[in-house]
């Protein structure tokens, strides 16, 4: 990926590639974690959020949208998973993303069982 190097996605001193992290289960969030792992490893999508100024393309005025809150939470999660500044962190907590998704899709509040495709 062209921009991963520019964004600081490098191997840590232990030799593990950046992005090889676990996502902490917050009660019953394995459905969300598996979807996030798949999205995170979609190279062009992650490259977009880590290597480009995605914020300049957020439409904060769309009354049907989230004013950029959800995409910002996703981008912050990707940074925790991929950037070398957090490469020593082998388990990442998804609380910020879970809070954002719950705000705009209330069916994901709490710790009910869901399927990954429901989240996507």
C-alpha atoms as a PDB file:
ATOM      1  CA  UNK A   1       0.000   0.000   0.000  1.00  0.00           C
ATOM      2  CA  UNK A   2       1.438   3.261  -1.095  1.00  0.00           C
ATOM      3  CA  UNK A   3       0.235   5.409   1.792  1.00  0.00           C
ATOM      4  CA  UNK A   4       0.666   3.023   4.713  1.00  0.00           C
ATOM      5  CA  UNK A   5       4.367   3.881   4.887  1.00  0.00           C
ATOM      6  CA  UNK A   6       3.594   7.599   4.760  1.00  0.00           C
ATOM      7  CA  UNK A   7       1.025   7.171   7.516  1.00  0.00           C
ATOM      8  CA  UNK A   8       3.515   5.396   9.753  1.00  0.00           C
ATOM      9  CA  UNK A   9       2.339   1.803   9.410  1.00  0.00           C
ATOM     10  CA  UNK A  10       5.513  -0.120  10.079  1.00  0.00           C
ATOM     11  CA  UNK A  11       6.505  -3.290  11.878  1.00  0.00           C
ATOM     12  CA  UNK A  12       7.124  -2.881  15.572  1.00  0.00           C
ATOM     13  CA  UNK A  13      10.375  -4.034  17.168  1.00  0.00           C
ATOM     14  CA  UNK A  14       8.839  -7.419  17.931  1.00  0.00           C
ATOM     15  CA  UNK A  15       8.435  -8.074  14.219  1.00  0.00           C
ATOM     16  CA  UNK A  16       4.635  -8.223  14.180  1.00  0.00           C
ATOM     17  CA  UNK A  17       3.141  -6.325  11.261  1.00  0.00           C
ATOM     18  CA  UNK A  18       1.058  -3.283  12.053  1.00  0.00           C
ATOM     19  CA  UNK A  19      -2.650  -4.038  11.985  1.00  0.00           C
ATOM     20  CA  UNK A  20      -2.216  -7.481  13.521  1.00  0.00           C
ATOM     21  CA  UNK A  21      -4.193  -6.738  16.655  1.00  0.00           C
ATOM     22  CA  UNK A  22      -7.035  -8.222  18.610  1.00  0.00           C
ATOM     23  CA  UNK A  23     -10.203  -6.285  19.332  1.00  0.00           C
ATOM     24  CA  UNK A  24     -11.452  -6.424  22.929  1.00  0.00           C
ATOM     25  CA  UNK A  25     -14.880  -7.999  23.308  1.00  0.00           C
ATOM     26  CA  UNK A  26     -17.133  -5.505  25.105  1.00  0.00           C
ATOM     27  CA  UNK A  27     -19.770  -7.877  26.410  1.00  0.00           C
ATOM     28  CA  UNK A  28     -21.179  -9.296  23.205  1.00  0.00           C
ATOM     29  CA  UNK A  29     -19.415  -7.437  20.393  1.00  0.00           C
ATOM     30  CA  UNK A  30     -17.784 -10.310  18.521  1.00  0.00           C
ATOM     31  CA  UNK A  31     -20.137  -9.585  15.560  1.00  0.00           C
ATOM     32  CA  UNK A  32     -18.814  -6.012  15.414  1.00  0.00           C
ATOM     33  CA  UNK A  33     -15.189  -7.020  15.930  1.00  0.00           C
ATOM     34  CA  UNK A  34     -15.250  -9.533  13.087  1.00  0.00           C
ATOM     35  CA  UNK A  35     -16.767  -6.968  10.708  1.00  0.00           C
ATOM     36  CA  UNK A  36     -14.227  -4.346  11.797  1.00  0.00           C
ATOM     37  CA  UNK A  37     -11.340  -6.775  11.256  1.00  0.00           C
ATOM     38  CA  UNK A  38     -12.584  -7.467   7.724  1.00  0.00           C
ATOM     39  CA  UNK A  39     -13.034  -3.779   6.931  1.00  0.00           C
ATOM     40  CA  UNK A  40      -9.663  -2.939   8.453  1.00  0.00           C
ATOM     41  CA  UNK A  41      -7.970  -5.434   6.153  1.00  0.00           C
ATOM     42  CA  UNK A  42      -9.649  -4.035   3.054  1.00  0.00           C
ATOM     43  CA  UNK A  43      -6.475  -2.376   1.852  1.00  0.00           C
ATOM     44  CA  UNK A  44      -7.887   0.417  -0.284  1.00  0.00           C
ATOM     45  CA  UNK A  45     -10.360   1.469   2.431  1.00  0.00           C
ATOM     46  CA  UNK A  46      -7.761   1.524   5.209  1.00  0.00           C
ATOM     47  CA  UNK A  47      -5.274   3.229   2.909  1.00  0.00           C
ATOM     48  CA  UNK A  48      -7.869   5.959   2.304  1.00  0.00           C
ATOM     49  CA  UNK A  49      -8.385   6.643   6.003  1.00  0.00           C
ATOM     50  CA  UNK A  50      -4.728   6.483   7.009  1.00  0.00           C
ATOM     51  CA  UNK A  51      -3.009   8.029   4.025  1.00  0.00           C
ATOM     52  CA  UNK A  52      -5.342  10.740   2.772  1.00  0.00           C
ATOM     53  CA  UNK A  53      -7.194  13.736   4.129  1.00  0.00           C
ATOM     54  CA  UNK A  54     -10.555  11.969   4.337  1.00  0.00           C
ATOM     55  CA  UNK A  55     -11.898  14.700   6.643  1.00  0.00           C
ATOM     56  CA  UNK A  56     -12.042  17.204   3.797  1.00  0.00           C
ATOM     57  CA  UNK A  57     -14.555  14.926   2.040  1.00  0.00           C
ATOM     58  CA  UNK A  58     -17.006  14.523   4.933  1.00  0.00           C
ATOM     59  CA  UNK A  59     -20.408  16.025   4.192  1.00  0.00           C
ATOM     60  CA  UNK A  60     -21.310  17.412   7.603  1.00  0.00           C
ATOM     61  CA  UNK A  61     -24.387  19.191   6.254  1.00  0.00           C
ATOM     62  CA  UNK A  62     -26.338  16.118   5.113  1.00  0.00           C
ATOM     63  CA  UNK A  63     -29.335  15.839   7.428  1.00  0.00           C
ATOM     64  CA  UNK A  64     -29.483  12.077   6.786  1.00  0.00           C
ATOM     65  CA  UNK A  65     -25.881  11.531   7.856  1.00  0.00           C
ATOM     66  CA  UNK A  66     -23.957  11.529  11.127  1.00  0.00           C
ATOM     67  CA  UNK A  67     -22.121  14.849  10.627  1.00  0.00           C
ATOM     68  CA  UNK A  68     -18.936  12.856  10.303  1.00  0.00           C
ATOM     69  CA  UNK A  69     -19.089  11.354  13.802  1.00  0.00           C
ATOM     70  CA  UNK A  70     -19.249   7.722  12.700  1.00  0.00           C
ATOM     71  CA  UNK A  71     -16.536   7.983  10.064  1.00  0.00           C
ATOM     72  CA  UNK A  72     -14.305   9.845  12.518  1.00  0.00           C
ATOM     73  CA  UNK A  73     -14.774   7.107  15.123  1.00  0.00           C
ATOM     74  CA  UNK A  74     -13.885   4.501  12.492  1.00  0.00           C
ATOM     75  CA  UNK A  75     -10.787   6.416  11.417  1.00  0.00           C
ATOM     76  CA  UNK A  76      -9.656   6.772  15.050  1.00  0.00           C
ATOM     77  CA  UNK A  77     -10.062   3.024  15.508  1.00  0.00           C
ATOM     78  CA  UNK A  78      -7.968   2.357  12.386  1.00  0.00           C
ATOM     79  CA  UNK A  79      -5.244   4.617  13.742  1.00  0.00           C
ATOM     80  CA  UNK A  80      -5.139   2.588  16.953  1.00  0.00           C
ATOM     81  CA  UNK A  81      -4.943  -0.625  14.951  1.00  0.00           C
ATOM     82  CA  UNK A  82      -2.397   0.374  12.324  1.00  0.00           C
ATOM     83  CA  UNK A  83      -0.164   3.310  13.210  1.00  0.00           C
ATOM     84  CA  UNK A  84       3.309   2.679  14.545  1.00  0.00           C
ATOM     85  CA  UNK A  85       2.681   4.908  17.550  1.00  0.00           C
ATOM     86  CA  UNK A  86       0.333   2.228  18.828  1.00  0.00           C
ATOM     87  CA  UNK A  87       1.981  -0.810  17.237  1.00  0.00           C
ATOM     88  CA  UNK A  88       2.944  -2.205  20.654  1.00  0.00           C
ATOM     89  CA  UNK A  89      -0.708  -2.385  21.558  1.00  0.00           C
ATOM     90  CA  UNK A  90      -1.774  -5.883  20.553  1.00  0.00           C
ATOM     91  CA  UNK A  91      -5.371  -5.547  21.804  1.00  0.00           C
ATOM     92  CA  UNK A  92      -7.456  -2.525  20.864  1.00  0.00           C
ATOM     93  CA  UNK A  93     -10.633  -1.448  22.657  1.00  0.00           C
ATOM     94  CA  UNK A  94     -13.493  -0.540  20.303  1.00  0.00           C
ATOM     95  CA  UNK A  95     -15.509   1.462  22.847  1.00  0.00           C
ATOM     96  CA  UNK A  96     -15.419   4.754  20.890  1.00  0.00           C
ATOM     97  CA  UNK A  97     -16.657   3.134  17.700  1.00  0.00           C
ATOM     98  CA  UNK A  98     -19.330   1.151  19.579  1.00  0.00           C
ATOM     99  CA  UNK A  99     -20.576   4.354  21.199  1.00  0.00           C
ATOM    100  CA  UNK A 100     -20.759   6.127  17.829  1.00  0.00           C
ATOM    101  CA  UNK A 101     -22.544   3.285  16.044  1.00  0.00           C
ATOM    102  CA  UNK A 102     -24.996   2.957  18.955  1.00  0.00           C
ATOM    103  CA  UNK A 103     -25.821   6.665  18.758  1.00  0.00           C
ATOM    104  CA  UNK A 104     -26.902   6.459  15.121  1.00  0.00           C
ATOM    105  CA  UNK A 105     -28.139   2.862  15.054  1.00  0.00           C
ATOM    106  CA  UNK A 106     -29.765   2.316  18.468  1.00  0.00           C
ATOM    107  CA  UNK A 107     -30.328  -1.397  17.828  1.00  0.00           C
ATOM    108  CA  UNK A 108     -26.627  -1.820  18.659  1.00  0.00           C
ATOM    109  CA  UNK A 109     -26.924  -0.269  22.131  1.00  0.00           C
ATOM    110  CA  UNK A 110     -26.317  -2.630  24.991  1.00  0.00           C
ATOM    111  CA  UNK A 111     -24.904  -6.090  24.554  1.00  0.00           C
ATOM    112  CA  UNK A 112     -27.530  -7.927  22.527  1.00  0.00           C
ATOM    113  CA  UNK A 113     -26.508 -10.608  20.037  1.00  0.00           C
ATOM    114  CA  UNK A 114     -26.232  -9.452  16.414  1.00  0.00           C
ATOM    115  CA  UNK A 115     -24.764 -10.746  13.188  1.00  0.00           C
ATOM    116  CA  UNK A 116     -21.909  -9.049  11.343  1.00  0.00           C
ATOM    117  CA  UNK A 117     -24.001  -8.371   8.250  1.00  0.00           C
ATOM    118  CA  UNK A 118     -26.484  -6.404  10.390  1.00  0.00           C
ATOM    119  CA  UNK A 119     -23.703  -4.035  11.357  1.00  0.00           C
ATOM    120  CA  UNK A 120     -22.389  -3.665   7.823  1.00  0.00           C
END
